[in-house]
Full PDB file with SEQRES, HELIX, SHEET, SSBOND, CRYST1, ORIGX, SCALE, CONECT and MASTER records, all heavy atoms in Angstrom:
SEQRES   1 A   41  SER LEU ASN ASP LYS ASN GLN LEU PRO PHE PHE HIS MET          
SEQRES   2 A   41  ARG TRP GLY ALA ASP TYR LEU ASP PRO GLU ASN PHE LEU          
SEQRES   3 A   41  SER THR LEU LEU ALA SER TYR GLY ALA GLU ASN HIS VAL          
SEQRES   4 A   41  GLN TYR                                                      
HELIX    1 AA1 PRO A   22  ASN A   24  5                                   3    
HELIX    2 AA2 LEU A   26  LEU A   30  1                                   5    
CRYST1    1.000    1.000    1.000  90.00  90.00  90.00 P 1           1          
ORIGX1      1.000000  0.000000  0.000000        0.00000                         
ORIGX2      0.000000  1.000000  0.000000        0.00000                         
ORIGX3      0.000000  0.000000  1.000000        0.00000                         
SCALE1      1.000000  0.000000  0.000000        0.00000                         
SCALE2      0.000000  1.000000  0.000000        0.00000                         
SCALE3      0.000000  0.000000  1.000000        0.00000                         
ATOM      1  N   SER A   1      -5.605 -19.438  -0.605  1.00  0.00           N  
ATOM      2  CA  SER A   1      -4.572 -20.096   0.208  1.00  0.00           C  
ATOM      3  C   SER A   1      -3.336 -20.447  -0.675  1.00  0.00           C  
ATOM      4  O   SER A   1      -2.221 -20.186  -0.282  1.00  0.00           O  
ATOM      5  CB  SER A   1      -5.135 -21.374   0.846  1.00  0.00           C  
ATOM      6  OG  SER A   1      -4.131 -22.086   1.541  1.00  0.00           O  
ATOM      7  N   LEU A   2      -3.585 -20.996  -1.818  1.00  0.00           N  
ATOM      8  CA  LEU A   2      -2.480 -21.345  -2.720  1.00  0.00           C  
ATOM      9  C   LEU A   2      -1.771 -20.094  -3.204  1.00  0.00           C  
ATOM     10  O   LEU A   2      -0.546 -20.071  -3.319  1.00  0.00           O  
ATOM     11  CB  LEU A   2      -2.957 -22.169  -3.901  1.00  0.00           C  
ATOM     12  CG  LEU A   2      -3.479 -23.575  -3.593  1.00  0.00           C  
ATOM     13  CD1 LEU A   2      -4.120 -24.215  -4.803  1.00  0.00           C  
ATOM     14  CD2 LEU A   2      -2.288 -24.473  -3.100  1.00  0.00           C  
ATOM     15  N   ASN A   3      -2.544 -19.059  -3.488  1.00  0.00           N  
ATOM     16  CA  ASN A   3      -1.951 -17.804  -3.974  1.00  0.00           C  
ATOM     17  C   ASN A   3      -1.073 -17.185  -2.876  1.00  0.00           C  
ATOM     18  O   ASN A   3       0.007 -16.660  -3.147  1.00  0.00           O  
ATOM     19  CB  ASN A   3      -3.021 -16.859  -4.448  1.00  0.00           C  
ATOM     20  CG  ASN A   3      -2.482 -15.620  -5.128  1.00  0.00           C  
ATOM     21  OD1 ASN A   3      -1.759 -15.707  -6.135  1.00  0.00           O  
ATOM     22  ND2 ASN A   3      -2.756 -14.464  -4.577  1.00  0.00           N  
ATOM     23  N   ASP A   4      -1.586 -17.189  -1.677  1.00  0.00           N  
ATOM     24  CA  ASP A   4      -0.839 -16.635  -0.537  1.00  0.00           C  
ATOM     25  C   ASP A   4       0.489 -17.359  -0.325  1.00  0.00           C  
ATOM     26  O   ASP A   4       1.452 -16.799   0.186  1.00  0.00           O  
ATOM     27  CB  ASP A   4      -1.677 -16.675   0.769  1.00  0.00           C  
ATOM     28  CG  ASP A   4      -2.786 -15.650   0.784  1.00  0.00           C  
ATOM     29  OD1 ASP A   4      -2.774 -14.672  -0.078  1.00  0.00           O  
ATOM     30  OD2 ASP A   4      -3.722 -15.780   1.581  1.00  0.00           O  
ATOM     31  N   LYS A   5       0.516 -18.636  -0.702  1.00  0.00           N  
ATOM     32  CA  LYS A   5       1.751 -19.422  -0.591  1.00  0.00           C  
ATOM     33  C   LYS A   5       2.584 -19.390  -1.833  1.00  0.00           C  
ATOM     34  O   LYS A   5       3.568 -20.138  -1.950  1.00  0.00           O  
ATOM     35  CB  LYS A   5       1.381 -20.897  -0.207  1.00  0.00           C  
ATOM     36  CG  LYS A   5       0.666 -21.011   1.115  1.00  0.00           C  
ATOM     37  CD  LYS A   5       0.186 -22.467   1.292  1.00  0.00           C  
ATOM     38  CE  LYS A   5      -0.635 -22.609   2.548  1.00  0.00           C  
ATOM     39  NZ  LYS A   5      -1.277 -23.955   2.651  1.00  0.00           N  
ATOM     40  N   ASN A   6       2.165 -18.563  -2.800  1.00  0.00           N  
ATOM     41  CA  ASN A   6       2.904 -18.460  -4.092  1.00  0.00           C  
ATOM     42  C   ASN A   6       2.987 -19.812  -4.818  1.00  0.00           C  
ATOM     43  O   ASN A   6       4.011 -20.152  -5.387  1.00  0.00           O  
ATOM     44  CB  ASN A   6       4.282 -17.863  -3.888  1.00  0.00           C  
ATOM     45  CG  ASN A   6       4.266 -16.502  -3.243  1.00  0.00           C  
ATOM     46  OD1 ASN A   6       3.331 -15.729  -3.435  1.00  0.00           O  
ATOM     47  ND2 ASN A   6       5.260 -16.207  -2.458  1.00  0.00           N  
ATOM     48  N   GLN A   7       1.877 -20.563  -4.807  1.00  0.00           N  
ATOM     49  CA  GLN A   7       1.884 -21.886  -5.400  1.00  0.00           C  
ATOM     50  C   GLN A   7       1.047 -21.943  -6.694  1.00  0.00           C  
ATOM     51  O   GLN A   7       0.709 -23.028  -7.143  1.00  0.00           O  
ATOM     52  CB  GLN A   7       1.372 -22.902  -4.393  1.00  0.00           C  
ATOM     53  CG  GLN A   7       2.341 -23.112  -3.225  1.00  0.00           C  
ATOM     54  CD  GLN A   7       1.854 -24.109  -2.198  1.00  0.00           C  
ATOM     55  OE1 GLN A   7       0.684 -24.573  -2.258  1.00  0.00           O  
ATOM     56  NE2 GLN A   7       2.667 -24.438  -1.231  1.00  0.00           N  
ATOM     57  N   LEU A   8       0.682 -20.795  -7.240  1.00  0.00           N  
ATOM     58  CA  LEU A   8      -0.051 -20.799  -8.521  1.00  0.00           C  
ATOM     59  C   LEU A   8       0.876 -20.176  -9.586  1.00  0.00           C  
ATOM     60  O   LEU A   8       1.126 -18.961  -9.592  1.00  0.00           O  
ATOM     61  CB  LEU A   8      -1.328 -19.904  -8.370  1.00  0.00           C  
ATOM     62  CG  LEU A   8      -2.371 -20.382  -7.385  1.00  0.00           C  
ATOM     63  CD1 LEU A   8      -3.538 -19.413  -7.350  1.00  0.00           C  
ATOM     64  CD2 LEU A   8      -2.847 -21.799  -7.751  1.00  0.00           C  
ATOM     65  N   PRO A   9       1.425 -21.009 -10.452  1.00  0.00           N  
ATOM     66  CA  PRO A   9       2.413 -20.521 -11.428  1.00  0.00           C  
ATOM     67  C   PRO A   9       1.851 -19.650 -12.528  1.00  0.00           C  
ATOM     68  O   PRO A   9       2.548 -18.774 -13.063  1.00  0.00           O  
ATOM     69  CB  PRO A   9       3.034 -21.795 -12.007  1.00  0.00           C  
ATOM     70  CG  PRO A   9       1.976 -22.839 -11.766  1.00  0.00           C  
ATOM     71  CD  PRO A   9       1.262 -22.462 -10.539  1.00  0.00           C  
ATOM     72  N   PHE A  10       0.572 -19.837 -12.893  1.00  0.00           N  
ATOM     73  CA  PHE A  10      -0.086 -19.105 -13.966  1.00  0.00           C  
ATOM     74  C   PHE A  10      -1.518 -18.929 -13.616  1.00  0.00           C  
ATOM     75  O   PHE A  10      -2.285 -19.890 -13.538  1.00  0.00           O  
ATOM     76  CB  PHE A  10       0.097 -19.896 -15.284  1.00  0.00           C  
ATOM     77  CG  PHE A  10      -0.469 -19.230 -16.519  1.00  0.00           C  
ATOM     78  CD1 PHE A  10      -0.239 -17.869 -16.764  1.00  0.00           C  
ATOM     79  CD2 PHE A  10      -1.181 -19.956 -17.414  1.00  0.00           C  
ATOM     80  CE1 PHE A  10      -0.767 -17.250 -17.880  1.00  0.00           C  
ATOM     81  CE2 PHE A  10      -1.694 -19.343 -18.571  1.00  0.00           C  
ATOM     82  CZ  PHE A  10      -1.467 -17.990 -18.800  1.00  0.00           C  
ATOM     83  N   PHE A  11      -1.963 -17.706 -13.349  1.00  0.00           N  
ATOM     84  CA  PHE A  11      -3.267 -17.512 -12.789  1.00  0.00           C  
ATOM     85  C   PHE A  11      -3.865 -16.134 -13.133  1.00  0.00           C  
ATOM     86  O   PHE A  11      -3.161 -15.220 -13.526  1.00  0.00           O  
ATOM     87  CB  PHE A  11      -3.174 -17.643 -11.253  1.00  0.00           C  
ATOM     88  CG  PHE A  11      -2.268 -16.634 -10.568  1.00  0.00           C  
ATOM     89  CD1 PHE A  11      -2.751 -15.442 -10.044  1.00  0.00           C  
ATOM     90  CD2 PHE A  11      -0.879 -16.872 -10.461  1.00  0.00           C  
ATOM     91  CE1 PHE A  11      -1.920 -14.515  -9.439  1.00  0.00           C  
ATOM     92  CE2 PHE A  11      -0.049 -15.952  -9.855  1.00  0.00           C  
ATOM     93  CZ  PHE A  11      -0.596 -14.791  -9.345  1.00  0.00           C  
ATOM     94  N   HIS A  12      -5.168 -16.104 -13.029  1.00  0.00           N  
ATOM     95  CA  HIS A  12      -5.916 -14.837 -13.157  1.00  0.00           C  
ATOM     96  C   HIS A  12      -6.205 -14.307 -11.774  1.00  0.00           C  
ATOM     97  O   HIS A  12      -6.696 -15.034 -10.896  1.00  0.00           O  
ATOM     98  CB  HIS A  12      -7.250 -15.100 -13.924  1.00  0.00           C  
ATOM     99  CG  HIS A  12      -8.098 -13.882 -14.020  1.00  0.00           C  
ATOM    100  ND1 HIS A  12      -8.813 -13.383 -12.948  1.00  0.00           N  
ATOM    101  CD2 HIS A  12      -8.406 -13.100 -15.091  1.00  0.00           C  
ATOM    102  CE1 HIS A  12      -9.508 -12.338 -13.310  1.00  0.00           C  
ATOM    103  NE2 HIS A  12      -9.289 -12.109 -14.622  1.00  0.00           N  
ATOM    104  N   MET A  13      -5.945 -13.019 -11.587  1.00  0.00           N  
ATOM    105  CA  MET A  13      -6.217 -12.423 -10.298  1.00  0.00           C  
ATOM    106  C   MET A  13      -6.687 -10.961 -10.509  1.00  0.00           C  
ATOM    107  O   MET A  13      -6.137 -10.268 -11.369  1.00  0.00           O  
ATOM    108  CB  MET A  13      -5.001 -12.406  -9.365  1.00  0.00           C  
ATOM    109  CG  MET A  13      -5.203 -11.717  -8.035  1.00  0.00           C  
ATOM    110  SD  MET A  13      -6.517 -12.431  -7.003  1.00  0.00           S  
ATOM    111  CE  MET A  13      -5.578 -13.669  -6.140  1.00  0.00           C  
ATOM    112  N   ARG A  14      -7.678 -10.529  -9.745  1.00  0.00           N  
ATOM    113  CA  ARG A  14      -8.095  -9.135  -9.770  1.00  0.00           C  
ATOM    114  C   ARG A  14      -7.614  -8.428  -8.486  1.00  0.00           C  
ATOM    115  O   ARG A  14      -7.423  -9.118  -7.476  1.00  0.00           O  
ATOM    116  CB  ARG A  14      -9.633  -8.994  -9.868  1.00  0.00           C  
ATOM    117  CG  ARG A  14     -10.122  -9.562 -11.195  1.00  0.00           C  
ATOM    118  CD  ARG A  14     -11.577  -9.194 -11.459  1.00  0.00           C  
ATOM    119  NE  ARG A  14     -12.500  -9.808 -10.493  1.00  0.00           N  
ATOM    120  CZ  ARG A  14     -13.756 -10.016 -10.750  1.00  0.00           C  
ATOM    121  NH1 ARG A  14     -14.278  -9.684 -11.921  1.00  0.00           N  
ATOM    122  NH2 ARG A  14     -14.596 -10.565  -9.875  1.00  0.00           N  
ATOM    123  N   TRP A  15      -7.425  -7.142  -8.588  1.00  0.00           N  
ATOM    124  CA  TRP A  15      -6.954  -6.406  -7.408  1.00  0.00           C  
ATOM    125  C   TRP A  15      -7.870  -5.185  -7.228  1.00  0.00           C  
ATOM    126  O   TRP A  15      -8.088  -4.388  -8.157  1.00  0.00           O  
ATOM    127  CB  TRP A  15      -5.526  -5.964  -7.602  1.00  0.00           C  
ATOM    128  CG  TRP A  15      -4.999  -5.111  -6.445  1.00  0.00           C  
ATOM    129  CD1 TRP A  15      -4.716  -3.793  -6.511  1.00  0.00           C  
ATOM    130  CD2 TRP A  15      -4.699  -5.561  -5.117  1.00  0.00           C  
ATOM    131  NE1 TRP A  15      -4.265  -3.343  -5.265  1.00  0.00           N  
ATOM    132  CE2 TRP A  15      -4.218  -4.406  -4.424  1.00  0.00           C  
ATOM    133  CE3 TRP A  15      -4.794  -6.778  -4.506  1.00  0.00           C  
ATOM    134  CZ2 TRP A  15      -3.860  -4.498  -3.085  1.00  0.00           C  
ATOM    135  CZ3 TRP A  15      -4.406  -6.866  -3.162  1.00  0.00           C  
ATOM    136  CH2 TRP A  15      -3.942  -5.752  -2.500  1.00  0.00           C  
ATOM    137  N   GLY A  16      -8.417  -5.056  -6.041  1.00  0.00           N  
ATOM    138  CA  GLY A  16      -9.193  -3.843  -5.688  1.00  0.00           C  
ATOM    139  C   GLY A  16      -8.419  -3.039  -4.662  1.00  0.00           C  
ATOM    140  O   GLY A  16      -7.952  -3.564  -3.672  1.00  0.00           O  
ATOM    141  N   ALA A  17      -8.294  -1.775  -4.960  1.00  0.00           N  
ATOM    142  CA  ALA A  17      -7.451  -0.944  -4.101  1.00  0.00           C  
ATOM    143  C   ALA A  17      -7.981  -0.808  -2.687  1.00  0.00           C  
ATOM    144  O   ALA A  17      -9.191  -0.725  -2.482  1.00  0.00           O  
ATOM    145  CB  ALA A  17      -7.349   0.482  -4.725  1.00  0.00           C  
ATOM    146  N   ASP A  18      -7.079  -0.808  -1.710  1.00  0.00           N  
ATOM    147  CA  ASP A  18      -7.428  -0.528  -0.347  1.00  0.00           C  
ATOM    148  C   ASP A  18      -7.470   0.993  -0.131  1.00  0.00           C  
ATOM    149  O   ASP A  18      -8.172   1.500   0.716  1.00  0.00           O  
ATOM    150  CB  ASP A  18      -6.408  -1.152   0.615  1.00  0.00           C  
ATOM    151  CG  ASP A  18      -6.382  -2.661   0.470  1.00  0.00           C  
ATOM    152  OD1 ASP A  18      -7.421  -3.300   0.707  1.00  0.00           O  
ATOM    153  OD2 ASP A  18      -5.307  -3.214   0.114  1.00  0.00           O  
ATOM    154  N   TYR A  19      -6.612   1.680  -0.877  1.00  0.00           N  
ATOM    155  CA  TYR A  19      -6.573   3.196  -0.831  1.00  0.00           C  
ATOM    156  C   TYR A  19      -6.071   3.613  -2.203  1.00  0.00           C  
ATOM    157  O   TYR A  19      -5.319   2.932  -2.886  1.00  0.00           O  
ATOM    158  CB  TYR A  19      -5.679   3.664   0.298  1.00  0.00           C  
ATOM    159  CG  TYR A  19      -4.364   3.012   0.405  1.00  0.00           C  
ATOM    160  CD1 TYR A  19      -3.227   3.532  -0.182  1.00  0.00           C  
ATOM    161  CD2 TYR A  19      -4.219   1.821   1.151  1.00  0.00           C  
ATOM    162  CE1 TYR A  19      -2.005   2.923  -0.077  1.00  0.00           C  
ATOM    163  CE2 TYR A  19      -2.981   1.177   1.260  1.00  0.00           C  
ATOM    164  CZ  TYR A  19      -1.877   1.748   0.662  1.00  0.00           C  
ATOM    165  OH  TYR A  19      -0.656   1.138   0.744  1.00  0.00           O  
ATOM    166  N   LEU A  20      -6.504   4.816  -2.610  1.00  0.00           N  
ATOM    167  CA  LEU A  20      -6.232   5.260  -3.977  1.00  0.00           C  
ATOM    168  C   LEU A  20      -4.903   5.964  -4.114  1.00  0.00           C  
ATOM    169  O   LEU A  20      -4.816   7.199  -4.184  1.00  0.00           O  
ATOM    170  CB  LEU A  20      -7.380   6.200  -4.408  1.00  0.00           C  
ATOM    171  CG  LEU A  20      -8.776   5.539  -4.434  1.00  0.00           C  
ATOM    172  CD1 LEU A  20      -9.819   6.566  -4.781  1.00  0.00           C  
ATOM    173  CD2 LEU A  20      -8.781   4.363  -5.421  1.00  0.00           C  
ATOM    174  N   ASP A  21      -3.850   5.165  -4.105  1.00  0.00           N  
ATOM    175  CA  ASP A  21      -2.506   5.687  -4.197  1.00  0.00           C  
ATOM    176  C   ASP A  21      -1.663   4.688  -4.984  1.00  0.00           C  
ATOM    177  O   ASP A  21      -1.899   3.471  -4.869  1.00  0.00           O  
ATOM    178  CB  ASP A  21      -1.921   5.902  -2.814  1.00  0.00           C  
ATOM    179  CG  ASP A  21      -0.584   6.642  -2.844  1.00  0.00           C  
ATOM    180  OD1 ASP A  21      -0.630   7.909  -2.832  1.00  0.00           O  
ATOM    181  OD2 ASP A  21       0.479   6.011  -2.917  1.00  0.00           O  
ATOM    182  N   PRO A  22      -0.684   5.154  -5.782  1.00  0.00           N  
ATOM    183  CA  PRO A  22       0.179   4.222  -6.511  1.00  0.00           C  
ATOM    184  C   PRO A  22       0.866   3.181  -5.647  1.00  0.00           C  
ATOM    185  O   PRO A  22       1.120   2.062  -6.098  1.00  0.00           O  
ATOM    186  CB  PRO A  22       1.220   5.140  -7.169  1.00  0.00           C  
ATOM    187  CG  PRO A  22       0.558   6.486  -7.245  1.00  0.00           C  
ATOM    188  CD  PRO A  22      -0.329   6.537  -6.019  1.00  0.00           C  
ATOM    189  N   GLU A  23       1.131   3.532  -4.396  1.00  0.00           N  
ATOM    190  CA  GLU A  23       1.791   2.549  -3.505  1.00  0.00           C  
ATOM    191  C   GLU A  23       0.982   1.287  -3.402  1.00  0.00           C  
ATOM    192  O   GLU A  23       1.531   0.182  -3.327  1.00  0.00           O  
ATOM    193  CB  GLU A  23       1.975   3.183  -2.107  1.00  0.00           C  
ATOM    194  CG  GLU A  23       2.669   2.225  -1.137  1.00  0.00           C  
ATOM    195  CD  GLU A  23       2.579   2.697   0.319  1.00  0.00           C  
ATOM    196  OE1 GLU A  23       1.682   3.522   0.616  1.00  0.00           O  
ATOM    197  OE2 GLU A  23       3.393   2.205   1.100  1.00  0.00           O  
ATOM    198  N   ASN A  24      -0.364   1.399  -3.405  1.00  0.00           N  
ATOM    199  CA  ASN A  24      -1.226   0.250  -3.196  1.00  0.00           C  
ATOM    200  C   ASN A  24      -1.268  -0.674  -4.413  1.00  0.00           C  
ATOM    201  O   ASN A  24      -1.754  -1.798  -4.351  1.00  0.00           O  
ATOM    202  CB  ASN A  24      -2.618   0.701  -2.819  1.00  0.00           C  
ATOM    203  CG  ASN A  24      -3.468  -0.456  -2.201  1.00  0.00           C  
ATOM    204  OD1 ASN A  24      -4.599  -0.653  -2.589  1.00  0.00           O  
ATOM    205  ND2 ASN A  24      -2.869  -1.213  -1.286  1.00  0.00           N  
ATOM    206  N   PHE A  25      -0.761  -0.210  -5.523  1.00  0.00           N  
ATOM    207  CA  PHE A  25      -0.686  -1.002  -6.722  1.00  0.00           C  
ATOM    208  C   PHE A  25       0.803  -1.446  -7.001  1.00  0.00           C  
ATOM    209  O   PHE A  25       1.055  -2.625  -7.087  1.00  0.00           O  
ATOM    210  CB  PHE A  25      -1.246  -0.241  -7.933  1.00  0.00           C  
ATOM    211  CG  PHE A  25      -2.691   0.005  -7.844  1.00  0.00           C  
ATOM    212  CD1 PHE A  25      -3.185   1.106  -7.156  1.00  0.00           C  
ATOM    213  CD2 PHE A  25      -3.605  -0.889  -8.405  1.00  0.00           C  
ATOM    214  CE1 PHE A  25      -4.555   1.332  -7.047  1.00  0.00           C  
ATOM    215  CE2 PHE A  25      -4.998  -0.677  -8.336  1.00  0.00           C  
ATOM    216  CZ  PHE A  25      -5.436   0.424  -7.652  1.00  0.00           C  
ATOM    217  N   LEU A  26       1.664  -0.454  -7.151  1.00  0.00           N  
ATOM    218  CA  LEU A  26       3.053  -0.767  -7.568  1.00  0.00           C  
ATOM    219  C   LEU A  26       3.844  -1.386  -6.432  1.00  0.00           C  
ATOM    220  O   LEU A  26       4.400  -2.496  -6.560  1.00  0.00           O  
ATOM    221  CB  LEU A  26       3.716   0.515  -8.082  1.00  0.00           C  
ATOM    222  CG  LEU A  26       3.111   1.076  -9.323  1.00  0.00           C  
ATOM    223  CD1 LEU A  26       3.619   2.481  -9.621  1.00  0.00           C  
ATOM    224  CD2 LEU A  26       3.340   0.163 -10.527  1.00  0.00           C  
ATOM    225  N   SER A  27       3.882  -0.740  -5.266  1.00  0.00           N  
ATOM    226  CA  SER A  27       4.706  -1.240  -4.142  1.00  0.00           C  
ATOM    227  C   SER A  27       4.091  -2.506  -3.551  1.00  0.00           C  
ATOM    228  O   SER A  27       4.776  -3.486  -3.326  1.00  0.00           O  
ATOM    229  CB  SER A  27       4.869  -0.159  -3.066  1.00  0.00           C  
ATOM    230  OG  SER A  27       5.378   1.018  -3.646  1.00  0.00           O  
ATOM    231  N   THR A  28       2.775  -2.451  -3.309  1.00  0.00           N  
ATOM    232  CA  THR A  28       2.140  -3.608  -2.654  1.00  0.00           C  
ATOM    233  C   THR A  28       2.146  -4.844  -3.535  1.00  0.00           C  
ATOM    234  O   THR A  28       2.378  -5.962  -3.008  1.00  0.00           O  
ATOM    235  CB  THR A  28       0.679  -3.223  -2.308  1.00  0.00           C  
ATOM    236  OG1 THR A  28       0.693  -2.124  -1.356  1.00  0.00           O  
ATOM    237  CG2 THR A  28      -0.033  -4.398  -1.654  1.00  0.00           C  
ATOM    238  N   LEU A  29       1.872  -4.698  -4.824  1.00  0.00           N  
ATOM    239  CA  LEU A  29       1.801  -5.861  -5.689  1.00  0.00           C  
ATOM    240  C   LEU A  29       3.079  -6.318  -6.281  1.00  0.00           C  
ATOM    241  O   LEU A  29       3.205  -7.505  -6.632  1.00  0.00           O  
ATOM    242  CB  LEU A  29       0.815  -5.534  -6.861  1.00  0.00           C  
ATOM    243  CG  LEU A  29      -0.639  -5.313  -6.502  1.00  0.00           C  
ATOM    244  CD1 LEU A  29      -1.417  -4.946  -7.774  1.00  0.00           C  
ATOM    245  CD2 LEU A  29      -1.254  -6.502  -5.834  1.00  0.00           C  
ATOM    246  N   LEU A  30       4.068  -5.442  -6.415  1.00  0.00           N  
ATOM    247  CA  LEU A  30       5.224  -5.790  -7.226  1.00  0.00           C  
ATOM    248  C   LEU A  30       6.592  -5.498  -6.663  1.00  0.00           C  
ATOM    249  O   LEU A  30       7.594  -6.033  -7.147  1.00  0.00           O  
ATOM    250  CB  LEU A  30       5.134  -5.081  -8.596  1.00  0.00           C  
ATOM    251  CG  LEU A  30       3.941  -5.582  -9.474  1.00  0.00           C  
ATOM    252  CD1 LEU A  30       3.626  -4.612 -10.551  1.00  0.00           C  
ATOM    253  CD2 LEU A  30       4.354  -6.898 -10.090  1.00  0.00           C  
ATOM    254  N   ALA A  31       6.677  -4.723  -5.574  1.00  0.00           N  
ATOM    255  CA  ALA A  31       7.980  -4.554  -4.935  1.00  0.00           C  
ATOM    256  C   ALA A  31       8.366  -5.842  -4.161  1.00  0.00           C  
ATOM    257  O   ALA A  31       7.506  -6.559  -3.711  1.00  0.00           O  
ATOM    258  CB  ALA A  31       7.931  -3.345  -3.991  1.00  0.00           C  
ATOM    259  N   SER A  32       9.632  -6.041  -4.028  1.00  0.00           N  
ATOM    260  CA  SER A  32      10.111  -7.241  -3.305  1.00  0.00           C  
ATOM    261  C   SER A  32       9.559  -7.240  -1.873  1.00  0.00           C  
ATOM    262  O   SER A  32       9.354  -8.319  -1.292  1.00  0.00           O  
ATOM    263  CB  SER A  32      11.654  -7.290  -3.285  1.00  0.00           C  
ATOM    264  OG  SER A  32      12.179  -7.372  -4.573  1.00  0.00           O  
ATOM    265  N   TYR A  33       9.374  -6.042  -1.312  1.00  0.00           N  
ATOM    266  CA  TYR A  33       8.855  -5.967   0.033  1.00  0.00           C  
ATOM    267  C   TYR A  33       7.341  -5.898   0.092  1.00  0.00           C  
ATOM    268  O   TYR A  33       6.744  -5.768   1.167  1.00  0.00           O  
ATOM    269  CB  TYR A  33       9.465  -4.707   0.746  1.00  0.00           C  
ATOM    270  CG  TYR A  33       9.209  -3.412   0.015  1.00  0.00           C  
ATOM    271  CD1 TYR A  33       8.060  -2.681   0.209  1.00  0.00           C  
ATOM    272  CD2 TYR A  33      10.176  -2.899  -0.874  1.00  0.00           C  
ATOM    273  CE1 TYR A  33       7.841  -1.499  -0.487  1.00  0.00           C  
ATOM    274  CE2 TYR A  33       9.966  -1.714  -1.533  1.00  0.00           C  
ATOM    275  CZ  TYR A  33       8.791  -1.003  -1.319  1.00  0.00           C  
ATOM    276  OH  TYR A  33       8.590   0.205  -2.008  1.00  0.00           O  
ATOM    277  N   GLY A  34       6.691  -5.945  -1.059  1.00  0.00           N  
ATOM    278  CA  GLY A  34       5.234  -5.834  -1.122  1.00  0.00           C  
ATOM    279  C   GLY A  34       4.520  -7.077  -0.567  1.00  0.00           C  
ATOM    280  O   GLY A  34       4.876  -8.224  -0.912  1.00  0.00           O  
ATOM    281  N   ALA A  35       3.545  -6.835   0.279  1.00  0.00           N  
ATOM    282  CA  ALA A  35       2.817  -7.954   0.927  1.00  0.00           C  
ATOM    283  C   ALA A  35       2.033  -8.809  -0.068  1.00  0.00           C  
ATOM    284  O   ALA A  35       1.745  -9.968   0.235  1.00  0.00           O  
ATOM    285  CB  ALA A  35       1.857  -7.393   1.976  1.00  0.00           C  
ATOM    286  N   GLU A  36       1.698  -8.290  -1.243  1.00  0.00           N  
ATOM    287  CA  GLU A  36       0.885  -9.062  -2.207  1.00  0.00           C  
ATOM    288  C   GLU A  36       1.671  -9.407  -3.456  1.00  0.00           C  
ATOM    289  O   GLU A  36       1.082  -9.624  -4.508  1.00  0.00           O  
ATOM    290  CB  GLU A  36      -0.366  -8.265  -2.565  1.00  0.00           C  
ATOM    291  CG  GLU A  36      -1.322  -8.019  -1.400  1.00  0.00           C  
ATOM    292  CD  GLU A  36      -1.948  -9.302  -0.871  1.00  0.00           C  
ATOM    293  OE1 GLU A  36      -2.115 -10.255  -1.638  1.00  0.00           O  
ATOM    294  OE2 GLU A  36      -2.266  -9.328   0.321  1.00  0.00           O  
ATOM    295  N   ASN A  37       3.003  -9.427  -3.382  1.00  0.00           N  
ATOM    296  CA  ASN A  37       3.832  -9.764  -4.537  1.00  0.00           C  
ATOM    297  C   ASN A  37       3.872 -11.258  -4.759  1.00  0.00           C  
ATOM    298  O   ASN A  37       4.887 -11.943  -4.492  1.00  0.00           O  
ATOM    299  CB  ASN A  37       5.235  -9.186  -4.356  1.00  0.00           C  
ATOM    300  CG  ASN A  37       6.156  -9.437  -5.551  1.00  0.00           C  
ATOM    301  OD1 ASN A  37       5.701  -9.980  -6.587  1.00  0.00           O  
ATOM    302  ND2 ASN A  37       7.420  -9.077  -5.429  1.00  0.00           N  
ATOM    303  N   HIS A  38       2.771 -11.825  -5.190  1.00  0.00           N  
ATOM    304  CA  HIS A  38       2.678 -13.277  -5.358  1.00  0.00           C  
ATOM    305  C   HIS A  38       3.197 -13.778  -6.722  1.00  0.00           C  
ATOM    306  O   HIS A  38       3.226 -14.970  -6.950  1.00  0.00           O  
ATOM    307  CB  HIS A  38       1.238 -13.754  -5.153  1.00  0.00           C  
ATOM    308  CG  HIS A  38       0.757 -13.457  -3.774  1.00  0.00           C  
ATOM    309  ND1 HIS A  38       1.363 -13.960  -2.664  1.00  0.00           N  
ATOM    310  CD2 HIS A  38      -0.291 -12.686  -3.329  1.00  0.00           C  
ATOM    311  CE1 HIS A  38       0.727 -13.531  -1.567  1.00  0.00           C  
ATOM    312  NE2 HIS A  38      -0.278 -12.755  -1.952  1.00  0.00           N  
ATOM    313  N   VAL A  39       3.617 -12.863  -7.586  1.00  0.00           N  
ATOM    314  CA  VAL A  39       4.333 -13.262  -8.809  1.00  0.00           C  
ATOM    315  C   VAL A  39       5.805 -13.337  -8.559  1.00  0.00           C  
ATOM    316  O   VAL A  39       6.569 -13.717  -9.407  1.00  0.00           O  
ATOM    317  CB  VAL A  39       3.990 -12.293 -10.002  1.00  0.00           C  
ATOM    318  CG1 VAL A  39       2.530 -12.424 -10.399  1.00  0.00           C  
ATOM    319  CG2 VAL A  39       4.370 -10.872  -9.659  1.00  0.00           C  
ATOM    320  N   GLN A  40       6.216 -12.938  -7.313  1.00  0.00           N  
ATOM    321  CA  GLN A  40       7.610 -13.022  -6.872  1.00  0.00           C  
ATOM    322  C   GLN A  40       8.547 -12.257  -7.780  1.00  0.00           C  
ATOM    323  O   GLN A  40       9.662 -12.708  -8.090  1.00  0.00           O  
ATOM    324  CB  GLN A  40       8.029 -14.514  -6.708  1.00  0.00           C  
ATOM    325  CG  GLN A  40       7.169 -15.258  -5.733  1.00  0.00           C  
ATOM    326  CD  GLN A  40       7.542 -16.723  -5.595  1.00  0.00           C  
ATOM    327  OE1 GLN A  40       8.577 -17.005  -4.973  1.00  0.00           O  
ATOM    328  NE2 GLN A  40       6.759 -17.612  -6.166  1.00  0.00           N  
ATOM    329  N   TYR A  41       8.070 -11.069  -8.223  1.00  0.00           N  
ATOM    330  CA  TYR A  41       8.904 -10.169  -9.018  1.00  0.00           C  
ATOM    331  C   TYR A  41       9.985  -9.572  -8.148  1.00  0.00           C  
ATOM    332  O   TYR A  41       9.676  -9.159  -6.968  1.00  0.00           O  
ATOM    333  CB  TYR A  41       8.025  -9.091  -9.605  1.00  0.00           C  
ATOM    334  CG  TYR A  41       8.746  -8.000 -10.379  1.00  0.00           C  
ATOM    335  CD1 TYR A  41       9.421  -8.324 -11.553  1.00  0.00           C  
ATOM    336  CD2 TYR A  41       8.686  -6.689  -9.946  1.00  0.00           C  
ATOM    337  CE1 TYR A  41      10.077  -7.304 -12.259  1.00  0.00           C  
ATOM    338  CE2 TYR A  41       9.308  -5.659 -10.659  1.00  0.00           C  
ATOM    339  CZ  TYR A  41      10.018  -5.998 -11.792  1.00  0.00           C  
ATOM    340  OH  TYR A  41      10.654  -4.998 -12.513  1.00  0.00           O  
TER     341      TYR A  41                                                      
MASTER        0    0    0    2    0    0    0    6  340    1    0    4          
END                                                                             
């Protein structure tokens, strides 16, 4: 819940792919439009 609200400033997180494509790692995790960009890059 805190991670989804971007309220963890320094944290350990693992990511398991939903599908085996770079989009699910680079775009999803780190693009401004990525749904899981919780580091707010």
